[in-house]
C-alpha cells in the first residue's frame, strides 16, 4: 500500500556560500541567526547535497533537473525550459535559445560586449525587440519573443535543427561575441550545422537592423546586438510520476521553475513574490498546506538567497537568510512529523565573492520527520551539517532518500513491472485465471 505521508522540499535557491571576510570568515548562513533551521537540524538528520558533483557550478534550472533524478544527457536545455515556463510555443524539431539585447562596440569585424540585458524603459525594450522579432531566409526562420525587460526566447525553425550548438553570449563585458559552432560531439551533424548557419545569419541581420534603429541614432552606447545562450529542444522525457511514482507540485515565483516541472510532467504554480523573503516563504508554505493535499512531493522555492548572493553583499544575504528562517519557523508551527517529511536544501551555491555566477560548493541539507535519524548536527549551515549522518548526497540520491523517507522505496530485486522502477507499488498487471 502507498504511504499517506508526503514530502515538502523547501528549496532555498543559492543558499550555500563561501567564507566572507566581511563576516569575520563566516558564510552568510553561518553568520545568520537561524533558530528555526537549527532546531530542525538538531531534531533530524543533516548532510550536504550537490545536484551533480562538488566543485561543479550549476545553473538553477540544471540543478533542479538533476535534483529531480534526471541525468545531464536528458537535459533539454535552458532555452526550451525558459520557453515552456513563459508559454512560448516551440514546435517539434524547433530550437529555443535564451536571448538578450546587448550594447556592443566594434573591434574590427568583431562585436565586443559592453553590457548585456541593459535596463531599458519598457516601451523602448519592446520596440527594439519588435524590430528584430521576425526573420525569414532560405536557411529557415527565427522568432524573438520578449518575456521580460530586454530578454526573451528566440525560436529557430525550418530545416532539421539540433540544439547542440555553442552560445554567442560571451557572458562577461570586454569579450567578443562568439560564433555559433556545433558541439565537438556534433561536428559534422547536418542539423547542428544548419542551426549554426541560421543563427549566425539572424545575429548578423539583427545587428544591422538594431544599428540603424531610430532609437540608436546618435547614441554613444547603442543597443545594437542580440546575444544567445543555452539552446534547447523538447523531447520525450519520462514524467516524475513515471520515474518516481510521485505526484509532484512546484510552488515558485519564477517561470523557469514552471518550465522545469512542466517538462517533467508535474503541476507547477507561479505565484506573486512577496517583498519580504520570510513572508514570501511563509505564504508559499501555507499554500502548500492548504491546497497541496493531492501531492506526494511539494517543491516550495525561494529565490531570495540567490538574488542576494548576486548582489555580492554578504551582510544583505545574511539578513535575507534570517528573514527566511523566521518565515519558516512561523509556517511550520504545528507541523506533524508523522504526516510530513521535511527536506531543506539549496540547488547550488551563489557566492558573495569572486567572479563566478554560481560556485560549486555543495549545499547544506536537512531531513526532519517521523523515523528520521537524530545525528550530531545541532545547527544548519555549511560546516555544521558536516557532522550529520546523511553525508554527501549527489544527483538522484536525493530522490531515492525521499522515496525511502516516504516508505515508497522498492526492495531491490523485486520486479512488479517489466521496467525496473525504484518505487513500490509500480503499475502492474493482475493475473487473470480465465486467460
Protein backbone atom coordinates (compact mmCIF):
# COMPACT_ATOMS: atom_id res chain seq x y z
CA UNK A 1 0.00 0.00 0.00
CA UNK A 2 1.10 3.55 -0.66
CA UNK A 3 2.21 5.65 2.29
CA UNK A 4 -0.07 8.61 3.15
CA UNK A 5 2.94 10.77 4.02
CA UNK A 6 4.17 13.49 1.75
CA UNK A 7 7.45 15.37 1.41
CA UNK A 8 7.77 19.15 1.47
CA UNK A 9 11.04 20.15 -0.19
CA UNK A 10 11.96 23.70 0.84
CA UNK A 11 14.44 24.88 -1.77
CA UNK A 12 16.43 27.96 -0.74
CA UNK A 13 17.99 28.92 -4.06
CA UNK A 14 21.70 29.75 -3.95
CA UNK A 15 21.83 29.23 -0.18
CA UNK A 16 25.41 27.97 0.16
CA UNK A 17 28.28 30.45 0.04
CA UNK A 18 31.97 30.89 0.73
CA UNK A 19 33.73 32.24 3.82
CA UNK A 20 33.44 36.03 3.68
CA UNK A 21 36.00 38.40 5.18
CA UNK A 22 33.25 40.95 5.75
CA UNK A 23 31.58 38.44 8.11
CA UNK A 24 34.73 37.51 10.01
CA UNK A 25 35.43 34.48 7.87
CA UNK A 26 31.91 33.05 8.14
CA UNK A 27 29.44 32.36 5.37
CA UNK A 28 26.20 34.39 5.40
CA UNK A 29 24.37 31.26 6.60
CA UNK A 30 26.87 30.72 9.43
CA UNK A 31 26.62 34.38 10.45
CA UNK A 32 22.82 34.45 10.36
CA UNK A 33 20.62 33.83 13.39
CA UNK A 34 18.55 30.80 12.30
CA UNK A 35 16.79 29.34 15.36
CA UNK A 36 14.11 27.53 13.31
CA UNK A 37 16.57 25.83 10.97
CA UNK A 38 18.90 25.00 13.86
CA UNK A 39 16.03 23.40 15.80
CA UNK A 40 15.07 21.29 12.79
CA UNK A 41 18.71 20.28 12.32
CA UNK A 42 19.01 19.19 15.95
CA UNK A 43 15.82 17.13 15.64
CA UNK A 44 16.65 15.48 12.32
CA UNK A 45 19.47 14.36 10.06
CA UNK A 46 21.86 16.63 8.20
CA UNK A 47 24.42 16.43 5.45
CA UNK A 48 25.27 18.05 2.16
CA UNK A 49 23.76 17.90 -1.31
CA UNK A 50 25.16 18.60 -4.75
CA UNK A 51 22.97 18.04 -7.78
CA UNK A 52 25.89 16.73 -9.85
CA UNK A 53 29.40 16.70 -8.35
CA UNK A 54 31.08 19.03 -5.82
CA UNK A 55 33.09 21.76 -7.46
CA UNK A 56 30.81 21.99 -10.49
CA UNK A 57 28.96 25.27 -10.81
CA UNK A 58 25.36 24.66 -11.89
CA UNK A 59 22.61 26.90 -13.17
CA UNK A 60 19.36 26.80 -11.23
CA UNK A 61 17.38 25.02 -13.92
CA UNK A 62 20.06 22.37 -14.43
CA UNK A 63 20.43 21.82 -10.67
CA UNK A 64 16.68 21.39 -10.30
CA UNK A 65 16.57 18.99 -13.25
CA UNK A 66 19.34 16.80 -11.81
CA UNK A 67 17.90 17.09 -8.29
CA UNK A 68 14.66 15.58 -9.54
CA UNK A 69 16.58 12.49 -10.62
CA UNK A 70 17.37 13.13 -14.28
CA UNK A 71 20.75 12.88 -15.98
CA UNK A 72 22.76 15.52 -17.86
CA UNK A 73 22.20 13.51 -21.04
CA UNK A 74 18.45 14.05 -20.66
CA UNK A 75 18.67 17.80 -20.05
CA UNK A 76 16.61 19.58 -22.75
CA UNK A 77 18.40 22.95 -22.50
CA UNK A 78 17.63 26.22 -20.72
CA UNK A 79 16.18 27.81 -23.85
CA UNK A 80 13.49 25.17 -24.12
CA UNK A 81 12.69 25.25 -20.39
CA UNK A 82 12.50 29.05 -20.48
CA UNK A 83 10.07 28.87 -23.39
CA UNK A 84 7.94 26.25 -21.62
CA UNK A 85 7.79 28.34 -18.45
CA UNK A 86 6.93 31.54 -20.30
CA UNK A 87 4.32 29.98 -22.56
CA UNK A 88 6.37 30.45 -25.74
CA UNK A 89 5.39 27.85 -28.32
CA UNK A 90 8.22 25.61 -29.51
CA UNK A 91 7.18 23.03 -32.06
CA UNK A 92 8.70 19.59 -32.68
CA UNK A 93 12.21 19.87 -34.11
CA UNK A 94 12.47 23.57 -33.35
CA UNK A 95 15.26 25.06 -31.22
CA UNK A 96 14.79 27.64 -28.45
CA UNK A 97 17.53 29.88 -27.06
CA UNK A 98 17.71 32.20 -24.07
CA UNK A 99 18.19 35.61 -25.70
CA UNK A 100 19.09 39.16 -24.63
CA UNK A 101 19.59 42.57 -26.16
CA UNK A 102 23.11 43.95 -25.67
CA UNK A 103 25.28 47.03 -26.07
CA UNK A 104 28.41 46.26 -28.09
CA UNK A 105 31.30 48.15 -29.63
CA UNK A 106 33.10 47.36 -32.84
CA UNK A 107 36.60 45.92 -32.74
CA UNK A 108 37.49 45.42 -36.37
CA UNK A 109 34.95 42.95 -37.71
CA UNK A 110 34.02 41.76 -34.22
CA UNK A 111 31.45 42.93 -31.71
CA UNK A 112 32.72 43.29 -28.13
CA UNK A 113 30.17 43.06 -25.34
CA UNK A 114 29.78 46.21 -23.23
CA UNK A 115 26.50 45.49 -21.43
CA UNK A 116 24.07 42.59 -21.60
CA UNK A 117 20.40 42.89 -20.68
CA UNK A 118 20.60 46.70 -20.47
CA UNK A 119 17.90 48.16 -18.20
CA UNK A 120 15.67 49.94 -20.68
CA UNK A 121 12.32 51.72 -20.47
CA UNK A 122 9.62 49.18 -21.18
CA UNK A 123 8.45 50.84 -24.38
CA UNK A 124 12.00 51.07 -25.76
CA UNK A 125 12.83 47.43 -24.99
CA UNK A 126 9.59 46.29 -26.60
CA UNK A 127 10.24 48.42 -29.68
CA UNK A 128 13.79 47.18 -30.19
CA UNK A 129 12.78 43.54 -29.84
CA UNK A 130 9.84 44.08 -32.19
CA UNK A 131 12.28 45.34 -34.82
CA UNK A 132 14.19 42.03 -34.78
CA UNK A 133 11.27 39.78 -33.92
CA UNK A 134 10.80 38.04 -37.26
CA UNK A 135 13.46 36.80 -39.63
CA UNK A 136 12.98 34.62 -42.70
CA UNK A 137 15.54 33.33 -45.17
CA UNK A 138 16.32 30.30 -47.29
CA UNK A 139 18.11 28.91 -44.20
CA UNK A 140 14.94 28.90 -42.11
CA UNK A 141 13.18 31.33 -39.78
CA UNK A 142 13.71 32.93 -36.37
CA UNK A 143 11.20 34.45 -33.93
CA UNK A 144 12.29 36.53 -30.93
CA UNK A 145 9.57 36.67 -28.27
CA UNK A 146 10.11 39.08 -25.41
CA UNK A 147 9.47 37.74 -21.90
CA UNK A 148 10.85 40.36 -19.52
CA UNK A 149 12.83 43.59 -19.87
CA UNK A 150 15.37 43.29 -22.66
CA UNK A 151 15.29 39.47 -22.63
CA UNK A 152 13.26 36.74 -24.26
CA UNK A 153 13.32 33.49 -26.16
CA UNK A 154 14.49 33.04 -29.74
CA UNK A 155 12.89 30.13 -31.59
CA UNK A 156 14.55 28.73 -34.72
CA UNK A 157 12.67 26.63 -37.24
CA UNK A 158 12.67 25.42 -40.80
CA UNK A 159 15.01 22.54 -41.69
CA UNK A 160 16.05 19.79 -39.30
CA UNK A 161 17.84 21.64 -36.47
CA UNK A 162 19.89 20.50 -33.48
CA UNK A 163 20.33 22.38 -30.19
CA UNK A 164 23.89 21.07 -29.83
CA UNK A 165 25.44 24.44 -30.69
CA UNK A 166 27.58 26.91 -28.76
CA UNK A 167 26.49 30.22 -27.27
CA UNK A 168 27.05 33.60 -28.88
CA UNK A 169 26.84 35.30 -25.46
CA UNK A 170 30.39 35.69 -24.04
CA UNK A 171 28.90 36.27 -20.53
CA UNK A 172 31.38 38.96 -19.46
CA UNK A 173 31.90 42.53 -20.74
CA UNK A 174 35.06 43.14 -22.72
CA UNK A 175 34.86 39.83 -24.59
CA UNK A 176 33.79 39.46 -28.23
CA UNK A 177 30.52 37.83 -29.20
CA UNK A 178 31.13 34.23 -30.22
CA UNK A 179 30.32 32.46 -33.46
CA UNK A 180 27.75 29.66 -33.07
CA UNK A 181 29.50 26.35 -33.68
CA UNK A 182 28.45 22.69 -33.36
CA UNK A 183 29.49 20.92 -30.18
CA UNK A 184 32.54 18.72 -30.60
CA UNK A 185 30.34 15.62 -30.40
CA UNK A 186 28.04 17.10 -33.08
CA UNK A 187 30.79 18.11 -35.51
CA UNK A 188 29.62 17.22 -38.99
CA UNK A 189 25.98 16.84 -37.88
CA UNK A 190 23.89 18.47 -40.63
CA UNK A 191 21.21 19.54 -38.14
CA UNK A 192 23.77 21.29 -35.90
CA UNK A 193 25.46 22.93 -38.90
CA UNK A 194 22.06 24.13 -40.14
CA UNK A 195 21.22 25.62 -36.74
CA UNK A 196 24.58 27.41 -36.63
CA UNK A 197 24.17 28.85 -40.12
CA UNK A 198 20.64 30.06 -39.41
CA UNK A 199 21.55 31.58 -36.06
CA UNK A 200 24.66 33.32 -37.43
CA UNK A 201 22.61 34.83 -40.26
CA UNK A 202 19.96 36.02 -37.79
CA UNK A 203 22.52 37.59 -35.43
CA UNK A 204 24.19 39.49 -38.29
CA UNK A 205 20.81 40.68 -39.58
CA UNK A 206 19.68 41.71 -36.08
CA UNK A 207 22.85 43.80 -35.60
CA UNK A 208 22.26 45.62 -38.89
CA UNK A 209 18.62 46.32 -38.01
CA UNK A 210 19.37 47.49 -34.48
CA UNK A 211 22.34 49.64 -35.51
CA UNK A 212 20.07 51.52 -37.89
CA UNK A 213 17.14 51.79 -35.47
CA UNK A 214 15.92 55.31 -34.76
CA UNK A 215 16.38 54.77 -31.02
CA UNK A 216 20.13 54.28 -31.58
CA UNK A 217 20.67 57.29 -33.82
CA UNK A 218 23.42 59.37 -32.26
CA UNK A 219 23.61 57.16 -29.14
CA UNK A 220 27.06 56.88 -27.58
CA UNK A 221 26.36 53.30 -26.44
CA UNK A 222 23.68 51.91 -28.75
CA UNK A 223 21.71 48.75 -28.01
CA UNK A 224 22.90 47.15 -31.20
CA UNK A 225 23.10 43.38 -30.81
CA UNK A 226 21.27 40.22 -29.86
CA UNK A 227 23.12 37.54 -27.90
CA UNK A 228 22.05 33.94 -27.30
CA UNK A 229 22.89 31.06 -25.00
CA UNK A 230 21.86 27.57 -23.87
CA UNK A 231 19.96 26.27 -26.86
CA UNK A 232 17.35 23.62 -26.13
CA UNK A 233 14.80 21.33 -27.73
CA UNK A 234 11.86 19.38 -26.39
CA UNK A 235 11.77 15.61 -26.29
CA UNK A 236 10.08 12.60 -24.75
CA UNK A 237 11.16 12.86 -21.12
CA UNK A 238 9.61 10.41 -18.65
CA UNK A 239 7.44 12.18 -16.11
CA UNK A 240 8.21 12.39 -12.41
CA UNK A 241 5.17 10.22 -11.76
CA UNK A 242 6.52 7.59 -14.16
CA UNK A 243 10.11 7.71 -12.91
CA UNK A 244 9.50 8.04 -9.16
CA UNK A 245 5.84 7.17 -8.64
CA UNK A 246 5.17 10.56 -7.05
CA UNK A 247 2.61 13.26 -7.78
CA UNK A 248 4.69 16.44 -7.70
CA UNK A 249 3.77 20.11 -7.28
CA UNK A 250 6.12 23.09 -7.59
CA UNK A 251 5.33 26.44 -5.98
CA UNK A 252 7.64 29.27 -7.03
CA UNK A 253 7.64 32.87 -8.26
CA UNK A 254 9.76 32.36 -11.39
CA UNK A 255 8.54 30.93 -14.72
CA UNK A 256 11.77 28.98 -15.27
CA UNK A 257 10.79 26.55 -12.49
CA UNK A 258 7.36 26.20 -14.02
CA UNK A 259 9.20 25.26 -17.21
CA UNK A 260 11.36 22.66 -15.46
CA UNK A 261 8.47 20.96 -13.70
CA UNK A 262 6.16 21.13 -16.70
CA UNK A 263 8.87 19.44 -18.77
CA UNK A 264 8.78 16.66 -16.18
CA UNK A 265 5.01 16.32 -16.30
CA UNK A 266 4.40 17.88 -12.88
CA UNK A 267 1.98 20.56 -11.67
CA UNK A 268 3.65 23.98 -11.34
CA UNK A 269 2.20 27.14 -9.81
CA UNK A 270 3.87 30.52 -10.21
CA UNK A 271 2.67 32.95 -7.54
CA UNK A 272 3.48 36.64 -6.95
CA UNK A 273 6.56 37.17 -4.83
CA UNK A 274 6.24 39.00 -1.51
CA UNK A 275 8.76 41.78 -0.89
CA UNK A 276 9.87 40.29 2.43
CA UNK A 277 11.62 36.91 1.90
CA UNK A 278 10.28 35.40 5.11
CA UNK A 279 6.70 36.42 4.40
CA UNK A 280 7.06 35.08 0.87
CA UNK A 281 8.25 31.67 2.07
CA UNK A 282 5.57 31.57 4.76
CA UNK A 283 2.86 32.30 2.17
CA UNK A 284 4.11 29.59 -0.18
CA UNK A 285 4.25 27.03 2.62
CA UNK A 286 0.73 28.00 3.67
CA UNK A 287 -0.41 27.44 0.09
CA UNK A 288 1.28 24.05 0.09
CA UNK A 289 -0.54 23.09 3.28
CA UNK A 290 -3.93 24.41 2.15
CA UNK A 291 -4.02 23.20 -1.45
CA UNK A 292 -1.35 20.54 -1.75
CA UNK A 293 -3.27 17.61 -0.32
CA UNK A 294 -3.28 15.65 -3.57
CA UNK A 295 0.50 15.62 -3.98
CA UNK A 296 3.25 13.37 -2.65
CA UNK A 297 6.11 15.85 -3.10
CA UNK A 298 5.76 19.64 -2.95
CA UNK A 299 8.68 21.80 -4.04
CA UNK A 300 8.50 25.21 -2.31
CA UNK A 301 11.01 27.64 -3.76
CA UNK A 302 12.58 30.90 -2.60
CA UNK A 303 14.83 32.82 -5.00
CA UNK A 304 15.85 35.36 -2.33
CA UNK A 305 19.23 33.89 -1.23
CA UNK A 306 20.37 33.57 -4.84
CA UNK A 307 19.43 37.16 -5.65
CA UNK A 308 21.20 38.34 -2.50
CA UNK A 309 24.33 36.43 -3.46
CA UNK A 310 24.39 38.04 -6.88
CA UNK A 311 24.49 41.44 -5.20
CA UNK A 312 27.88 40.48 -3.72
CA UNK A 313 26.77 41.85 -0.35
CA UNK A 314 27.34 39.26 2.42
CA UNK A 315 25.51 41.27 5.09
CA UNK A 316 22.45 41.54 2.87
CA UNK A 317 22.43 37.80 2.21
CA UNK A 318 22.75 37.20 5.96
CA UNK A 319 19.68 39.39 6.56
CA UNK A 320 17.73 37.57 3.83
CA UNK A 321 18.52 34.19 5.41
CA UNK A 322 17.41 35.44 8.82
CA UNK A 323 14.11 36.58 7.33
CA UNK A 324 13.62 33.21 5.63
CA UNK A 325 14.30 31.40 8.89
CA UNK A 326 11.68 33.49 10.68
CA UNK A 327 9.12 32.79 7.96
CA UNK A 328 9.92 29.09 8.01
CA UNK A 329 9.51 28.98 11.78
CA UNK A 330 6.09 30.60 11.59
CA UNK A 331 4.91 28.39 8.73
CA UNK A 332 5.94 25.10 10.33
CA UNK A 333 4.22 25.64 13.66
CA UNK A 334 2.19 22.54 14.39
CA UNK A 335 3.63 20.52 11.50
CA UNK A 336 3.05 16.81 12.16
CA UNK A 337 6.24 14.78 11.62
CA UNK A 338 4.15 11.64 11.19
CA UNK A 339 2.44 13.13 8.14
CA UNK A 340 5.21 15.21 6.57
CA UNK A 341 8.81 14.55 5.66
CA UNK A 342 10.50 17.94 5.53
CA UNK A 343 13.64 18.45 3.43
CA UNK A 344 15.53 21.75 3.31
CA UNK A 345 18.46 22.43 1.00
CA UNK A 346 19.72 24.63 -1.84
CA UNK A 347 20.11 23.90 -5.52
CA UNK A 348 23.60 25.39 -5.83
CA UNK A 349 25.94 27.87 -4.17
CA UNK A 350 25.83 31.58 -5.01
CA UNK A 351 28.92 33.17 -3.55
CA UNK A 352 29.01 36.79 -2.40
CA UNK A 353 32.66 36.94 -3.51
CA UNK A 354 34.53 36.02 -6.65
CA UNK A 355 33.62 36.39 -10.29
CA UNK A 356 31.64 33.19 -10.85
CA UNK A 357 27.91 33.44 -11.49
CA UNK A 358 27.37 30.41 -9.25
CA UNK A 359 30.05 28.42 -7.46
CA UNK A 360 30.50 24.69 -6.94
CA UNK A 361 30.23 24.19 -3.17
CA UNK A 362 27.60 21.67 -2.00
CA UNK A 363 24.53 22.92 -0.14
CA UNK A 364 23.62 22.06 3.45
CA UNK A 365 20.78 19.54 3.69
CA UNK A 366 18.43 18.55 6.47
CA UNK A 367 15.67 15.97 6.76
CA UNK A 368 13.07 16.11 9.51
CA UNK A 369 10.13 13.85 10.25
CA UNK A 370 8.98 10.58 11.75
CA UNK A 371 11.67 7.91 11.57
CA UNK A 372 14.48 10.28 10.54
CA UNK A 373 17.73 9.79 12.46
CA UNK A 374 18.82 12.34 15.01
CA UNK A 375 22.51 12.92 14.47
CA UNK A 376 25.26 15.11 15.93
CA UNK A 377 24.45 18.24 13.90
CA UNK A 378 23.00 20.98 16.11
CA UNK A 379 22.95 23.84 13.59
CA UNK A 380 22.09 24.26 9.93
CA UNK A 381 24.97 25.69 7.93
CA UNK A 382 27.68 24.62 5.53
CA UNK A 383 30.12 23.29 8.14
CA UNK A 384 27.79 22.20 10.95
CA UNK A 385 25.99 19.87 8.55
CA UNK A 386 29.29 18.03 8.06
CA UNK A 387 28.59 16.43 11.47
CA UNK A 388 25.37 14.98 10.08
CA UNK A 389 24.66 11.36 9.27
CA UNK A 390 23.49 11.89 5.69
CA UNK A 391 26.97 12.63 4.36
CA UNK A 392 27.10 13.98 0.81
CA UNK A 393 24.15 13.14 -1.42
CA UNK A 394 24.52 13.66 -5.16
CA UNK A 395 22.05 13.87 -8.02
CA UNK A 396 19.47 11.08 -7.93
CA UNK A 397 20.42 10.12 -4.37
CA UNK A 398 18.16 12.87 -3.01
CA UNK A 399 15.08 11.40 -4.70
CA UNK A 400 15.98 7.88 -3.52
CA UNK A 401 16.32 9.29 0.02
CA UNK A 402 12.93 10.99 -0.24
CA UNK A 403 11.31 7.77 -1.53
CA UNK A 404 12.83 5.90 1.40
CA UNK A 405 11.60 8.50 3.89
CA UNK A 406 8.08 8.23 2.47
CA UNK A 407 8.14 4.40 2.76
CA UNK A 408 7.82 4.22 -1.02
CA UNK A 409 11.14 2.65 -1.97
CA UNK A 410 11.11 -0.74 -3.66
CA UNK A 411 13.11 -3.64 -2.27
CA UNK A 412 15.98 -4.14 -4.70
CA UNK A 413 15.49 -7.19 -6.87
CA UNK A 414 11.69 -7.20 -6.85
CA UNK A 415 10.15 -6.96 -10.30
CA UNK A 416 6.50 -5.96 -10.22
CA UNK A 417 6.81 -4.20 -13.60
CA UNK A 418 8.69 -5.03 -16.83
CA UNK A 419 10.76 -1.91 -16.12
CA UNK A 420 12.95 -1.88 -13.01
CA UNK A 421 11.28 1.10 -11.32
CA UNK A 422 12.61 2.36 -7.96
CA UNK A 423 9.24 2.76 -6.21
CA UNK A 424 6.62 0.43 -4.81
CA UNK A 425 3.99 -0.37 -5.83
CA UNK A 426 4.66 0.14 -9.53
CA UNK A 427 1.95 -0.19 -12.20
CA UNK A 428 1.34 -3.89 -12.59
CA UNK A 429 -0.86 -6.34 -14.47
CA UNK A 430 -3.01 -8.70 -12.44
CA UNK A 431 -3.01 -12.40 -13.19
CA UNK A 432 -6.27 -13.44 -14.89
CA UNK A 433 -7.19 -17.08 -14.26
CA UNK A 434 -9.59 -17.10 -17.18
CA UNK A 435 -6.90 -16.26 -19.74
